[in-house]
Amino acid sequence: MNQLRIVRMKTRVSLVVRLRDGYTSGPPADRSLDVRLAGYPRKPVGKHDGTYIFNDLEPGTYRLEIASTYYFRESIDVSVGSANVIVHIPLVPLPSYPFQPNATLIRAVAVDRSGRPVADAVATATMLSEECAVGWLADEKTAKGSDEIAVAAAVGPFGVGDRFRIGGRTDKEGGEAIRLREIVEHRKRFRLETPLSSTNSRGAKLYPVCVTRTTDRGELAVALPPGKAGVYKVELKLEAGSRGLKAQVREIEAAEGQTVNLGTWIV
């Protein structure tokens, strides 16, 4: 009588990459994303929700590379140990991204004084109008040095990697920038990438901050989240320090559902 031997191979999850659309906060719009580890031959297991899983990696540091038709290329170093690692990455839309017809956008082309395109300049758009606040701090005091905040009356999605400015009870009071590192309690409590540099009181508002960059041709497109007012103020800062250029700041009035075209922006 022949004996049947069953061998079970155990697979160990080493790295989980969770991608989301930085514009919609949903799954990536590009279904043909190329997600890989540089120099590593095996492809990850991909899911429709933007999750990519690498199994059985040896401990060490890997270069995670993400290429897409709709989003800027991403390249980051990831350290893998004996336990599985989870990395959250909000993908930044390219100017050629298929934005919704009612999207609120700011577009421009950045050039230097010689007319050459300024590539890879960082653009930071901060909502200034009080109607654009998406919540406020819930604790009586959030002390300097704290890496955790509690939020009340949260509006819209709050995801890992999202950026905000903590303001006061008026439009421009305060101004500390924060970025979410971990969701402790859904839409209520979050850990920050860096500790707070100042103490904040209950009621301090959270204003969305959008960060993108220019393409090789200097093209820029900033997609703003929906606001509660038809027209609101936005501060747009463009930084190209790697080119030795001085940062430029503009205050812009954006109309909900429309595109503000700044034309050529000399930096």
Protein backbone atom coordinates (compact mmCIF):
# COMPACT_ATOMS: atom_id res chain seq x y z
CA MET A 1 0.00 0.00 0.00
CA ASN A 2 1.42 3.34 -1.03
CA GLN A 3 1.69 6.02 1.63
CA LEU A 4 0.81 9.63 0.90
CA ARG A 5 2.98 12.21 2.62
CA ILE A 6 1.56 15.72 2.96
CA VAL A 7 4.05 18.56 3.35
CA ARG A 8 2.73 21.95 4.45
CA MET A 9 4.84 24.96 3.55
CA LYS A 10 4.49 27.83 5.99
CA THR A 11 4.66 31.33 4.52
CA ARG A 12 5.68 34.24 6.72
CA VAL A 13 4.35 37.72 6.00
CA SER A 14 7.31 40.11 6.18
CA LEU A 15 6.15 43.41 4.70
CA VAL A 16 2.68 44.86 4.07
CA VAL A 17 2.44 47.97 1.90
CA ARG A 18 -0.88 49.79 2.06
CA LEU A 19 -1.35 52.32 -0.74
CA ARG A 20 -4.20 54.79 -1.03
CA ASP A 21 -5.13 57.58 -3.37
CA GLY A 22 -3.94 60.86 -1.86
CA TYR A 23 -6.80 62.70 -3.60
CA THR A 24 -9.82 60.47 -2.90
CA SER A 25 -8.40 58.61 0.15
CA GLY A 26 -9.75 55.43 -1.46
CA PRO A 27 -7.95 52.60 -3.27
CA PRO A 28 -5.48 53.69 -5.98
CA ALA A 29 -7.12 54.61 -9.29
CA ASP A 30 -4.25 53.02 -11.22
CA ARG A 31 -4.81 49.26 -11.35
CA SER A 32 -1.46 48.66 -13.04
CA LEU A 33 0.80 49.91 -10.25
CA ASP A 34 4.32 48.54 -10.25
CA VAL A 35 5.28 47.81 -6.64
CA ARG A 36 8.63 46.14 -6.05
CA LEU A 37 11.72 45.90 -3.88
CA ALA A 38 14.88 46.96 -5.71
CA GLY A 39 17.10 43.96 -6.41
CA TYR A 40 14.52 41.51 -5.13
CA PRO A 41 13.16 39.17 -7.85
CA ARG A 42 9.81 38.14 -6.39
CA LYS A 43 6.70 40.26 -6.87
CA PRO A 44 4.31 40.97 -3.98
CA VAL A 45 0.80 39.62 -3.64
CA GLY A 46 -1.47 42.50 -4.66
CA LYS A 47 -5.08 43.17 -3.66
CA HIS A 48 -7.70 45.49 -5.17
CA ASP A 49 -7.76 47.69 -2.06
CA GLY A 50 -4.15 48.80 -2.62
CA THR A 51 -2.51 46.29 -0.26
CA TYR A 52 0.72 44.58 -1.38
CA ILE A 53 2.26 41.74 0.64
CA PHE A 54 5.88 40.55 0.54
CA ASN A 55 6.51 37.14 2.11
CA ASP A 56 9.59 35.45 3.56
CA LEU A 57 12.00 38.38 3.39
CA GLU A 58 15.35 38.13 5.12
CA PRO A 59 15.87 40.79 7.83
CA GLY A 60 17.49 43.93 6.45
CA THR A 61 16.84 47.22 4.69
CA TYR A 62 15.08 47.23 1.32
CA ARG A 63 14.35 49.99 -1.20
CA LEU A 64 10.62 50.04 -1.92
CA GLU A 65 9.83 51.44 -5.38
CA ILE A 66 6.39 52.35 -6.71
CA ALA A 67 5.77 53.40 -10.32
CA SER A 68 2.43 54.48 -11.75
CA THR A 69 0.70 56.21 -14.64
CA TYR A 70 -1.37 58.48 -12.38
CA TYR A 71 0.90 59.13 -9.38
CA PHE A 72 4.38 60.43 -8.67
CA ARG A 73 7.03 57.74 -8.37
CA GLU A 74 7.84 56.78 -4.77
CA SER A 75 11.12 55.34 -3.49
CA ILE A 76 11.65 54.76 0.23
CA ASP A 77 13.87 52.58 2.43
CA VAL A 78 12.06 50.01 4.60
CA SER A 79 13.64 48.04 7.45
CA VAL A 80 12.36 44.48 7.85
CA GLY A 81 12.94 42.35 10.95
CA SER A 82 11.51 39.15 12.36
CA ALA A 83 8.01 40.63 12.77
CA ASN A 84 5.92 41.85 9.87
CA VAL A 85 6.15 45.54 8.97
CA ILE A 86 3.20 47.66 7.75
CA VAL A 87 3.92 50.74 5.62
CA HIS A 88 1.19 53.26 4.74
CA ILE A 89 1.76 55.44 1.66
CA PRO A 90 -0.70 58.04 0.32
CA LEU A 91 0.04 58.33 -3.40
CA VAL A 92 0.42 61.86 -4.78
CA PRO A 93 -1.48 62.50 -8.03
CA LEU A 94 0.38 63.73 -11.11
CA PRO A 95 -0.98 66.77 -12.98
CA SER A 96 -2.21 64.28 -15.62
CA TYR A 97 -4.29 62.38 -13.05
CA PRO A 98 -7.96 61.96 -14.10
CA PHE A 99 -9.41 64.37 -11.55
CA GLN A 100 -13.16 64.47 -11.09
CA PRO A 101 -14.97 67.18 -13.12
CA ASN A 102 -15.93 69.04 -9.93
CA ALA A 103 -12.42 68.94 -8.42
CA THR A 104 -11.03 72.11 -6.85
CA LEU A 105 -7.54 72.57 -8.33
CA ILE A 106 -4.63 74.97 -8.45
CA ARG A 107 -2.44 74.61 -11.53
CA ALA A 108 0.81 76.32 -12.54
CA VAL A 109 4.08 75.82 -14.40
CA ALA A 110 7.18 76.62 -12.33
CA VAL A 111 10.22 78.05 -14.15
CA ASP A 112 13.39 79.82 -13.05
CA ARG A 113 14.40 83.30 -14.20
CA SER A 114 16.02 81.81 -17.28
CA GLY A 115 12.75 80.17 -18.28
CA ARG A 116 13.87 76.63 -17.49
CA PRO A 117 11.35 74.29 -15.82
CA VAL A 118 11.83 73.82 -12.09
CA ALA A 119 11.45 70.09 -11.46
CA ASP A 120 10.78 68.37 -8.12
CA ALA A 121 9.91 71.58 -6.29
CA VAL A 122 7.75 70.93 -3.21
CA ALA A 123 4.37 72.66 -3.15
CA THR A 124 2.47 72.97 0.16
CA ALA A 125 -1.12 74.20 0.13
CA THR A 126 -2.67 75.09 3.48
CA MET A 127 -6.35 75.90 3.89
CA LEU A 128 -6.73 79.19 5.79
CA SER A 129 -10.47 79.89 6.01
CA GLU A 130 -12.24 78.79 9.18
CA GLU A 131 -14.95 77.08 7.12
CA CYS A 132 -12.30 74.63 5.88
CA ALA A 133 -11.48 73.26 9.35
CA VAL A 134 -12.03 69.49 9.53
CA GLY A 135 -12.16 69.12 13.32
CA TRP A 136 -10.65 70.50 16.50
CA LEU A 137 -8.56 69.29 19.43
CA ALA A 138 -10.73 67.57 22.03
CA ASP A 139 -8.44 67.41 25.08
CA GLU A 140 -8.33 70.31 27.54
CA LYS A 141 -4.59 70.65 26.89
CA THR A 142 -2.38 68.90 24.36
CA ALA A 143 1.07 69.47 25.80
CA LYS A 144 4.26 70.37 24.01
CA GLY A 145 6.20 67.18 23.30
CA SER A 146 3.09 65.03 23.01
CA ASP A 147 2.92 62.71 19.99
CA GLU A 148 -0.80 62.03 20.29
CA ILE A 149 -3.90 64.15 19.66
CA ALA A 150 -7.62 63.66 20.23
CA VAL A 151 -9.96 65.11 17.60
CA ALA A 152 -13.61 66.12 17.92
CA ALA A 153 -16.15 66.65 15.12
CA ALA A 154 -13.89 65.08 12.48
CA VAL A 155 -15.03 65.78 8.92
CA GLY A 156 -13.87 63.65 6.00
CA PRO A 157 -11.21 60.92 6.06
CA PHE A 158 -8.26 60.96 8.47
CA GLY A 159 -5.60 58.56 7.19
CA VAL A 160 -2.03 57.67 8.03
CA GLY A 161 0.25 60.20 6.31
CA ASP A 162 -2.36 62.98 6.19
CA ARG A 163 -1.15 66.47 7.06
CA PHE A 164 -2.85 69.28 8.96
CA ARG A 165 -2.13 72.67 10.46
CA ILE A 166 -3.20 73.28 14.04
CA GLY A 167 -4.71 76.76 14.22
CA GLY A 168 -6.46 78.79 16.88
CA ARG A 169 -9.95 80.20 17.03
CA THR A 170 -9.21 82.70 14.27
CA ASP A 171 -8.13 82.03 10.68
CA LYS A 172 -4.37 82.48 11.10
CA GLU A 173 -3.73 82.03 14.82
CA GLY A 174 -1.18 79.30 15.51
CA GLY A 175 0.31 77.40 12.61
CA GLU A 176 1.99 74.18 13.75
CA ALA A 177 2.15 71.55 11.01
CA ILE A 178 1.50 67.89 11.90
CA ARG A 179 1.38 64.55 10.08
CA LEU A 180 -0.49 61.45 11.22
CA ARG A 181 1.61 58.34 11.89
CA GLU A 182 -0.95 55.96 13.38
CA ILE A 183 -4.70 55.72 13.95
CA VAL A 184 -5.31 54.89 17.61
CA GLU A 185 -9.10 55.27 17.54
CA HIS A 186 -10.98 55.74 14.27
CA ARG A 187 -11.63 59.45 13.58
CA LYS A 188 -10.96 60.29 17.24
CA ARG A 189 -7.35 59.74 18.34
CA PHE A 190 -4.08 59.73 16.37
CA ARG A 191 -0.33 59.49 16.88
CA LEU A 192 1.95 61.97 15.13
CA GLU A 193 5.16 61.52 13.18
CA THR A 194 6.91 64.15 15.30
CA PRO A 195 6.03 65.50 18.78
CA LEU A 196 4.28 68.84 19.08
CA SER A 197 6.53 71.87 19.43
CA SER A 198 3.97 73.86 21.43
CA THR A 199 1.04 73.38 23.82
CA ASN A 200 -2.42 73.61 22.28
CA SER A 201 -5.80 74.13 23.93
CA ARG A 202 -9.14 72.47 23.38
CA GLY A 203 -10.89 73.94 20.36
CA ALA A 204 -7.77 74.57 18.30
CA LYS A 205 -8.85 73.81 14.75
CA LEU A 206 -7.33 71.42 12.24
CA TYR A 207 -6.88 72.73 8.68
CA PRO A 208 -6.03 70.39 5.79
CA VAL A 209 -2.57 70.64 4.24
CA CYS A 210 -1.88 69.23 0.76
CA VAL A 211 1.69 68.51 -0.35
CA THR A 212 2.74 67.71 -3.91
CA ARG A 213 5.64 68.52 -6.24
CA THR A 214 6.39 69.64 -9.76
CA THR A 215 7.08 67.32 -12.68
CA ASP A 216 10.20 67.34 -14.87
CA ARG A 217 8.45 69.98 -16.99
CA GLY A 218 7.67 72.13 -13.95
CA GLU A 219 3.97 71.30 -14.05
CA LEU A 220 2.06 71.61 -10.81
CA ALA A 221 -1.45 70.52 -9.83
CA VAL A 222 -2.77 70.78 -6.27
CA ALA A 223 -6.09 69.07 -5.56
CA LEU A 224 -7.87 70.68 -2.60
CA PRO A 225 -10.34 68.88 -0.33
CA PRO A 226 -13.97 70.07 -0.29
CA GLY A 227 -14.72 73.09 1.89
CA LYS A 228 -17.85 74.44 3.53
CA ALA A 229 -17.66 77.77 1.71
CA GLY A 230 -18.01 78.57 -1.97
CA VAL A 231 -14.77 80.56 -1.93
CA TYR A 232 -11.95 80.16 0.56
CA LYS A 233 -8.36 81.22 1.12
CA VAL A 234 -5.38 78.98 0.51
CA GLU A 235 -1.69 79.60 1.20
CA LEU A 236 0.50 78.00 -1.47
CA LYS A 237 4.22 77.68 -0.78
CA LEU A 238 6.68 76.51 -3.43
CA GLU A 239 10.15 75.41 -2.34
CA ALA A 240 13.02 74.47 -4.64
CA GLY A 241 15.95 74.52 -2.23
CA SER A 242 17.83 71.86 -4.18
CA ARG A 243 18.07 74.36 -7.04
CA GLY A 244 19.23 77.14 -4.71
CA LEU A 245 16.00 79.07 -5.31
CA LYS A 246 14.19 81.11 -2.69
CA ALA A 247 10.83 79.80 -1.46
CA GLN A 248 7.80 81.57 -2.91
CA VAL A 249 4.46 82.04 -1.11
CA ARG A 250 1.12 83.09 -2.55
CA GLU A 251 -2.28 83.54 -0.93
CA ILE A 252 -4.98 82.39 -3.31
CA GLU A 253 -8.77 82.45 -3.35
CA ALA A 254 -10.09 79.11 -4.51
CA ALA A 255 -13.65 78.57 -5.68
CA GLU A 256 -15.24 75.23 -4.88
CA GLY A 257 -15.32 72.94 -7.92
CA GLN A 258 -13.18 75.19 -10.11
CA THR A 259 -9.54 75.43 -11.25
CA VAL A 260 -7.27 78.35 -10.39
CA ASN A 261 -4.66 78.62 -13.15
CA LEU A 262 -1.62 80.61 -12.02
CA GLY A 263 0.04 80.28 -15.42
CA THR A 264 3.84 80.56 -15.37
CA TRP A 265 5.26 80.90 -11.86
CA ILE A 266 8.79 82.33 -11.82
CA VAL A 267 10.71 81.11 -8.77
